[in-house]
């Protein structure tokens, strides 16, 4: 019985080692979801861009104010 328990524990240890090298599937899935979400936001933002103007994605209601020295959001 003790031999069987040791055999199972050793098998679990081998699986743990291989998973550490390969990485967690849950982490990969989360990264994929984040990248897909980011890609969708970028597409939405790009579709809102007029050809000759920029858009503030943080505060779309904000206007770009230009002065002789520089420009800033207000």
C-alpha atoms as a PDB file:
ATOM      1  CA  UNK A   1       0.000   0.000   0.000  1.00  0.00           C
ATOM      2  CA  UNK A   2       2.783   2.444   0.861  1.00  0.00           C
ATOM      3  CA  UNK A   3       4.462   1.668  -2.463  1.00  0.00           C
ATOM      4  CA  UNK A   4       1.271   2.560  -4.337  1.00  0.00           C
ATOM      5  CA  UNK A   5       0.956   5.861  -2.451  1.00  0.00           C
ATOM      6  CA  UNK A   6       4.599   6.707  -3.202  1.00  0.00           C
ATOM      7  CA  UNK A   7       4.034   5.820  -6.874  1.00  0.00           C
ATOM      8  CA  UNK A   8       0.998   8.132  -7.056  1.00  0.00           C
ATOM      9  CA  UNK A   9       2.850  10.955  -5.297  1.00  0.00           C
ATOM     10  CA  UNK A  10       5.783  10.611  -7.704  1.00  0.00           C
ATOM     11  CA  UNK A  11       3.372  10.677 -10.646  1.00  0.00           C
ATOM     12  CA  UNK A  12       1.751  13.844  -9.309  1.00  0.00           C
ATOM     13  CA  UNK A  13       5.163  15.453  -8.902  1.00  0.00           C
ATOM     14  CA  UNK A  14       6.055  14.675 -12.537  1.00  0.00           C
ATOM     15  CA  UNK A  15       2.784  16.210 -13.745  1.00  0.00           C
ATOM     16  CA  UNK A  16       3.418  19.310 -11.616  1.00  0.00           C
ATOM     17  CA  UNK A  17       6.897  19.714 -13.108  1.00  0.00           C
ATOM     18  CA  UNK A  18       5.610  19.402 -16.666  1.00  0.00           C
ATOM     19  CA  UNK A  19       2.857  21.954 -15.973  1.00  0.00           C
ATOM     20  CA  UNK A  20       5.375  24.435 -14.583  1.00  0.00           C
ATOM     21  CA  UNK A  21       7.356  24.223 -17.799  1.00  0.00           C
ATOM     22  CA  UNK A  22       4.305  24.380 -20.048  1.00  0.00           C
ATOM     23  CA  UNK A  23       2.421  27.047 -18.125  1.00  0.00           C
ATOM     24  CA  UNK A  24      -1.118  27.113 -16.883  1.00  0.00           C
ATOM     25  CA  UNK A  25      -3.925  26.782 -19.406  1.00  0.00           C
ATOM     26  CA  UNK A  26      -6.082  29.101 -17.279  1.00  0.00           C
ATOM     27  CA  UNK A  27      -3.432  31.821 -17.516  1.00  0.00           C
ATOM     28  CA  UNK A  28      -3.145  31.371 -21.275  1.00  0.00           C
ATOM     29  CA  UNK A  29      -6.953  31.593 -21.621  1.00  0.00           C
ATOM     30  CA  UNK A  30      -7.039  34.825 -19.579  1.00  0.00           C
ATOM     31  CA  UNK A  31      -4.282  36.338 -21.715  1.00  0.00           C
ATOM     32  CA  UNK A  32      -6.173  35.371 -24.861  1.00  0.00           C
ATOM     33  CA  UNK A  33      -9.377  36.980 -23.592  1.00  0.00           C
ATOM     34  CA  UNK A  34      -7.480  40.175 -22.696  1.00  0.00           C
ATOM     35  CA  UNK A  35      -5.866  40.315 -26.123  1.00  0.00           C
ATOM     36  CA  UNK A  36      -9.186  39.720 -27.873  1.00  0.00           C
ATOM     37  CA  UNK A  37     -10.829  42.440 -25.767  1.00  0.00           C
ATOM     38  CA  UNK A  38      -7.988  44.837 -26.520  1.00  0.00           C
ATOM     39  CA  UNK A  39      -8.195  44.035 -30.237  1.00  0.00           C
ATOM     40  CA  UNK A  40     -11.951  44.765 -30.197  1.00  0.00           C
ATOM     41  CA  UNK A  41     -11.428  48.102 -28.396  1.00  0.00           C
ATOM     42  CA  UNK A  42      -8.749  49.092 -30.906  1.00  0.00           C
ATOM     43  CA  UNK A  43     -11.056  48.264 -33.817  1.00  0.00           C
ATOM     44  CA  UNK A  44     -13.897  50.284 -32.281  1.00  0.00           C
ATOM     45  CA  UNK A  45     -11.580  53.222 -31.666  1.00  0.00           C
ATOM     46  CA  UNK A  46     -10.144  53.120 -35.175  1.00  0.00           C
ATOM     47  CA  UNK A  47     -13.612  53.011 -36.713  1.00  0.00           C
ATOM     48  CA  UNK A  48     -14.483  56.195 -34.761  1.00  0.00           C
ATOM     49  CA  UNK A  49     -11.432  58.079 -36.074  1.00  0.00           C
ATOM     50  CA  UNK A  50     -12.093  60.690 -38.699  1.00  0.00           C
ATOM     51  CA  UNK A  51      -9.415  60.557 -41.378  1.00  0.00           C
ATOM     52  CA  UNK A  52      -7.772  63.854 -40.459  1.00  0.00           C
ATOM     53  CA  UNK A  53      -8.388  64.186 -36.697  1.00  0.00           C
ATOM     54  CA  UNK A  54      -7.401  62.447 -33.482  1.00  0.00           C
ATOM     55  CA  UNK A  55      -9.764  61.247 -30.778  1.00  0.00           C
ATOM     56  CA  UNK A  56      -9.327  61.113 -27.018  1.00  0.00           C
ATOM     57  CA  UNK A  57     -10.297  57.564 -25.944  1.00  0.00           C
ATOM     58  CA  UNK A  58     -10.115  58.446 -22.242  1.00  0.00           C
ATOM     59  CA  UNK A  59     -12.548  61.364 -22.469  1.00  0.00           C
ATOM     60  CA  UNK A  60     -14.218  61.559 -25.918  1.00  0.00           C
ATOM     61  CA  UNK A  61     -16.057  64.764 -24.911  1.00  0.00           C
ATOM     62  CA  UNK A  62     -12.777  66.549 -24.303  1.00  0.00           C
ATOM     63  CA  UNK A  63     -11.562  69.059 -26.911  1.00  0.00           C
ATOM     64  CA  UNK A  64      -7.965  69.572 -28.015  1.00  0.00           C
ATOM     65  CA  UNK A  65      -7.024  73.206 -27.472  1.00  0.00           C
ATOM     66  CA  UNK A  66      -4.209  74.595 -29.585  1.00  0.00           C
ATOM     67  CA  UNK A  67      -1.978  77.500 -28.650  1.00  0.00           C
ATOM     68  CA  UNK A  68       1.058  79.029 -30.335  1.00  0.00           C
ATOM     69  CA  UNK A  69       3.364  77.056 -28.057  1.00  0.00           C
ATOM     70  CA  UNK A  70       1.633  73.658 -27.823  1.00  0.00           C
ATOM     71  CA  UNK A  71      -1.685  71.864 -27.524  1.00  0.00           C
ATOM     72  CA  UNK A  72      -3.501  70.363 -24.555  1.00  0.00           C
ATOM     73  CA  UNK A  73      -6.796  68.748 -23.652  1.00  0.00           C
ATOM     74  CA  UNK A  74      -9.465  70.750 -21.903  1.00  0.00           C
END
